[in-house]
Amino acid sequence: MTVRTESTESTGKKTAAVDNVLAIAEETGVTPAQVAVAWVRERAARSVATLAPIIGPRGLSPLDSCLGARRT
């Protein structure tokens, strides 16, 4: 049995979003993970729904990078 998932965003939109995250990370001197986590935290501050970033680091370095978003 094959399960198909549908995406509501085009590949072009996804690529543009990733490009924006990479550009912001480079401009601000932080990692792309920090930009992404900070974006979710900012959205959560303005949302009536509960939003929380879910991180899945595979080691201390990626964990430190994600936690660094709290400082940005």
N, C-alpha and C. Protein backbone atom coordinates (compact mmCIF):
# COMPACT_ATOMS: atom_id res chain seq x y z
N MET A 1 0.84 -1.18 0.00
CA MET A 1 0.00 0.00 0.00
C MET A 1 0.88 1.24 0.00
N THR A 2 0.65 2.14 -0.90
CA THR A 2 1.41 3.37 -0.99
C THR A 2 0.56 4.52 -0.45
N VAL A 3 1.15 5.27 0.47
CA VAL A 3 0.46 6.42 1.03
C VAL A 3 1.01 7.67 0.35
N ARG A 4 0.14 8.46 -0.21
CA ARG A 4 0.56 9.69 -0.87
C ARG A 4 0.22 10.87 0.02
N THR A 5 1.16 11.74 0.13
CA THR A 5 0.90 12.96 0.89
C THR A 5 0.85 14.13 -0.08
N GLU A 6 -0.01 15.05 0.19
CA GLU A 6 -0.16 16.21 -0.67
C GLU A 6 0.39 17.43 0.03
N SER A 7 1.06 18.25 -0.70
CA SER A 7 1.61 19.49 -0.15
C SER A 7 0.81 20.65 -0.71
N THR A 8 0.55 21.62 0.15
CA THR A 8 -0.19 22.79 -0.31
C THR A 8 0.73 23.86 -0.87
N GLU A 9 2.03 23.67 -0.72
CA GLU A 9 2.98 24.65 -1.22
C GLU A 9 3.73 24.06 -2.41
N SER A 10 4.01 24.91 -3.36
CA SER A 10 4.77 24.46 -4.52
C SER A 10 6.24 24.33 -4.14
N THR A 11 6.96 23.58 -4.92
CA THR A 11 8.40 23.43 -4.68
C THR A 11 9.09 24.78 -4.78
N GLY A 12 8.64 25.63 -5.66
CA GLY A 12 9.22 26.96 -5.79
C GLY A 12 9.07 27.80 -4.54
N LYS A 13 7.91 27.71 -3.91
CA LYS A 13 7.68 28.45 -2.66
C LYS A 13 8.57 27.91 -1.54
N LYS A 14 8.71 26.60 -1.50
CA LYS A 14 9.56 25.99 -0.47
C LYS A 14 11.02 26.41 -0.68
N THR A 15 11.46 26.41 -1.92
CA THR A 15 12.83 26.81 -2.22
C THR A 15 13.04 28.28 -1.86
N ALA A 16 12.07 29.12 -2.15
CA ALA A 16 12.17 30.54 -1.81
C ALA A 16 12.24 30.73 -0.30
N ALA A 17 11.46 29.96 0.45
CA ALA A 17 11.47 30.08 1.91
C ALA A 17 12.84 29.67 2.46
N VAL A 18 13.39 28.59 1.95
CA VAL A 18 14.71 28.14 2.40
C VAL A 18 15.77 29.18 2.03
N ASP A 19 15.68 29.72 0.83
CA ASP A 19 16.63 30.76 0.41
C ASP A 19 16.56 31.97 1.33
N ASN A 20 15.35 32.36 1.74
CA ASN A 20 15.19 33.49 2.65
C ASN A 20 15.80 33.20 4.02
N VAL A 21 15.57 32.00 4.53
CA VAL A 21 16.15 31.62 5.82
C VAL A 21 17.67 31.66 5.75
N LEU A 22 18.23 31.11 4.69
CA LEU A 22 19.69 31.11 4.52
C LEU A 22 20.24 32.53 4.42
N ALA A 23 19.55 33.40 3.70
CA ALA A 23 20.00 34.79 3.55
C ALA A 23 19.94 35.53 4.88
N ILE A 24 18.86 35.34 5.64
CA ILE A 24 18.74 36.00 6.94
C ILE A 24 19.81 35.49 7.89
N ALA A 25 20.07 34.20 7.86
CA ALA A 25 21.10 33.62 8.73
C ALA A 25 22.47 34.22 8.41
N GLU A 26 22.76 34.34 7.13
CA GLU A 26 24.05 34.91 6.73
C GLU A 26 24.15 36.38 7.14
N GLU A 27 23.08 37.14 6.94
CA GLU A 27 23.08 38.57 7.28
C GLU A 27 23.24 38.81 8.78
N THR A 28 22.63 37.95 9.57
CA THR A 28 22.61 38.16 11.02
C THR A 28 23.70 37.40 11.76
N GLY A 29 24.41 36.52 11.06
CA GLY A 29 25.51 35.78 11.68
C GLY A 29 25.07 34.67 12.62
N VAL A 30 23.88 34.11 12.34
CA VAL A 30 23.40 32.98 13.13
C VAL A 30 23.17 31.80 12.20
N THR A 31 22.84 30.65 12.76
CA THR A 31 22.60 29.47 11.93
C THR A 31 21.19 29.49 11.37
N PRO A 32 20.96 28.77 10.26
CA PRO A 32 19.61 28.67 9.73
C PRO A 32 18.63 28.07 10.76
N ALA A 33 19.09 27.15 11.58
CA ALA A 33 18.22 26.58 12.62
C ALA A 33 17.78 27.65 13.60
N GLN A 34 18.68 28.55 13.95
CA GLN A 34 18.32 29.64 14.86
C GLN A 34 17.29 30.57 14.24
N VAL A 35 17.43 30.85 12.96
CA VAL A 35 16.45 31.69 12.26
C VAL A 35 15.08 31.02 12.28
N ALA A 36 15.04 29.73 11.97
CA ALA A 36 13.78 29.01 11.92
C ALA A 36 13.10 28.97 13.29
N VAL A 37 13.85 28.66 14.34
CA VAL A 37 13.28 28.60 15.68
C VAL A 37 12.81 29.99 16.12
N ALA A 38 13.59 31.01 15.83
CA ALA A 38 13.20 32.37 16.20
C ALA A 38 11.93 32.78 15.46
N TRP A 39 11.79 32.36 14.20
CA TRP A 39 10.60 32.67 13.43
C TRP A 39 9.36 32.05 14.08
N VAL A 40 9.46 30.79 14.47
CA VAL A 40 8.32 30.12 15.12
C VAL A 40 8.00 30.81 16.45
N ARG A 41 9.02 31.15 17.21
CA ARG A 41 8.79 31.83 18.50
C ARG A 41 8.11 33.18 18.30
N GLU A 42 8.51 33.92 17.29
CA GLU A 42 7.89 35.22 17.01
C GLU A 42 6.44 35.04 16.57
N ARG A 43 6.19 34.06 15.72
CA ARG A 43 4.81 33.78 15.30
C ARG A 43 3.96 33.39 16.49
N ALA A 44 4.51 32.62 17.41
CA ALA A 44 3.78 32.17 18.60
C ALA A 44 3.38 33.36 19.48
N ALA A 45 4.25 34.36 19.53
CA ALA A 45 3.97 35.53 20.36
C ALA A 45 2.75 36.31 19.84
N ARG A 46 2.45 36.19 18.56
CA ARG A 46 1.33 36.92 17.97
C ARG A 46 0.13 36.04 17.66
N SER A 47 0.17 34.79 18.07
CA SER A 47 -0.88 33.85 17.72
C SER A 47 -1.79 33.54 18.91
N VAL A 48 -3.05 33.30 18.63
CA VAL A 48 -3.96 32.87 19.69
C VAL A 48 -3.81 31.37 19.94
N ALA A 49 -3.26 30.66 18.98
CA ALA A 49 -3.00 29.23 19.13
C ALA A 49 -1.63 29.03 19.77
N THR A 50 -1.46 27.90 20.37
CA THR A 50 -0.17 27.57 20.96
C THR A 50 0.75 27.04 19.86
N LEU A 51 1.88 27.70 19.69
CA LEU A 51 2.88 27.26 18.72
C LEU A 51 4.19 27.03 19.46
N ALA A 52 4.85 25.94 19.16
CA ALA A 52 6.14 25.66 19.77
C ALA A 52 7.02 24.96 18.75
N PRO A 53 8.27 25.40 18.64
CA PRO A 53 9.17 24.71 17.71
C PRO A 53 9.49 23.32 18.23
N ILE A 54 9.54 22.37 17.34
CA ILE A 54 9.95 21.01 17.70
C ILE A 54 11.33 20.81 17.10
N ILE A 55 12.28 20.58 17.97
CA ILE A 55 13.65 20.40 17.49
C ILE A 55 14.04 18.93 17.68
N GLY A 56 14.96 18.47 16.88
CA GLY A 56 15.42 17.09 16.97
C GLY A 56 16.91 16.99 16.74
N PRO A 57 17.68 17.63 17.61
CA PRO A 57 19.13 17.59 17.40
C PRO A 57 19.69 16.18 17.58
N ARG A 58 20.74 15.90 16.87
CA ARG A 58 21.38 14.58 16.96
C ARG A 58 22.68 14.63 17.74
N GLY A 59 22.94 15.75 18.36
CA GLY A 59 24.16 15.90 19.15
C GLY A 59 24.15 17.23 19.87
N LEU A 60 25.22 17.49 20.60
CA LEU A 60 25.29 18.71 21.38
C LEU A 60 25.41 19.96 20.51
N SER A 61 26.15 19.87 19.43
CA SER A 61 26.33 21.04 18.58
C SER A 61 25.01 21.51 17.97
N PRO A 62 24.21 20.61 17.36
CA PRO A 62 22.91 21.05 16.85
C PRO A 62 21.98 21.54 17.96
N LEU A 63 22.05 20.93 19.14
CA LEU A 63 21.23 21.38 20.26
C LEU A 63 21.62 22.79 20.65
N ASP A 64 22.90 23.05 20.74
CA ASP A 64 23.38 24.39 21.09
C ASP A 64 22.91 25.41 20.05
N SER A 65 22.92 25.02 18.78
CA SER A 65 22.48 25.91 17.72
C SER A 65 21.00 26.26 17.89
N CYS A 66 20.18 25.27 18.15
CA CYS A 66 18.75 25.52 18.33
C CYS A 66 18.49 26.36 19.57
N LEU A 67 19.18 26.06 20.64
CA LEU A 67 18.99 26.82 21.86
C LEU A 67 19.50 28.25 21.70
N GLY A 68 20.43 28.45 20.80
CA GLY A 68 20.96 29.80 20.54
C GLY A 68 19.88 30.73 20.00
N ALA A 69 18.80 30.18 19.46
CA ALA A 69 17.71 31.01 18.95
C ALA A 69 17.05 31.80 20.07
N ARG A 70 17.19 31.35 21.27
CA ARG A 70 16.62 32.08 22.42
C ARG A 70 17.36 33.41 22.62
N ARG A 71 18.56 33.50 22.11
CA ARG A 71 19.36 34.71 22.29
C ARG A 71 19.22 35.67 21.11
N THR A 72 18.52 35.25 20.05
CA THR A 72 18.40 36.12 18.88
C THR A 72 17.14 36.94 18.91
